[in-house]
């Protein structure tokens, strides 16, 4: 019994230990899975932030590229618009000056063509007056023709009837009854008068038409005489102006080319025959780090590469001392001239001293 109880106690102890081991293992496994889940979650958040950052950078880059292209396109369109406006301005200015010059030349010709212009004006006024009178004559002729036609129709109707009396308003101006035979005679007389008046009005209208045509021929003749003075002068003025502008542009081009040629030749000769051409060296500026060019003889500083170094690649000469600087570069005429001037000054000073001594001797004597 004691052994059995001991065995049960051992079994219970083993069961408790197993449960405790399982509990510890499950706790550790849960902690591991929790930490793993947390790590995965943090990794996903990091990936999400990284992806969002990449997308932001990429979209910003694409947006900046699009904005840059759009800006370039807008600038190109503005440049084209400005160029088109400039061309329009130049062309309109050219045409305006051309019209002004043509008008100026035509005003100069007004004295020569003044009689022709006066004659043309007179003929135009005369033609307008004749046209108005011809229009009046045509209206009167149409009225007379209509009256003649109505009278002829009335007489034809009267001839077809056998009435003794006939009512009409052509005799007294108002409706009245007359004998038919008497009315036939009177209406025949009126018809003859109207036909004569129609012939007269036709002749008058034809005279006006002929006069108007004559004036038109004279006006055309005067305009043919004015055409060489007006249109011919305009064409000649335009041609002369184009020729003058072309010659001026060519002269400006030749002049600018000559000026550039002379200036380049001057710069080239100055660089080739300079006494300090072999003393240029290249250095770095201590402040900005930019390249600078220093002349060891004249101590001149330039920020642009001298033409002497471009035309004549050479090794820079060593820096001269003070005595050499005073003497000038080798072969420089200033050194010889300075020596000659010093010798002449010494001789003048000696002559002056001798003269002063003679004057003192004479005064004492």
Foldseek 3Di string as FASTA:
>chain_A
DVVVVVVVVVVVVVVVVVVVVVVVVVVVVVVVVVVVVVVVVVVVVVVVVVVVVVVVVVVVVVVVVVVVVVVVVVVVVVVVVVVVVVVVVVVVVVVVVLVVLLVVLLVVCCVVCVVLVVLLVVLVVVLVVLVVVLVVLVVVLVVLVVVLVVLVVVLVVLVVDDDQKDWDCPPPNDTDIDGSVVVNVVSVVVSVVSVVVSVVSVVVSVVSVVSSVVSVVVSVVSVVVCCCVRVVSSVVSVVVVVVVVVVVVVVVVVVVVVVVVVVVVVLVVCLVPPLQLQQKDWDADPPPRQIWIAGLQVRDIDNDDRVSCVVDPDHHDDRDDPVDSVLGHVPDVVNVVVVVVVVVVVVVVVVVVVVVVVVVVVVVD
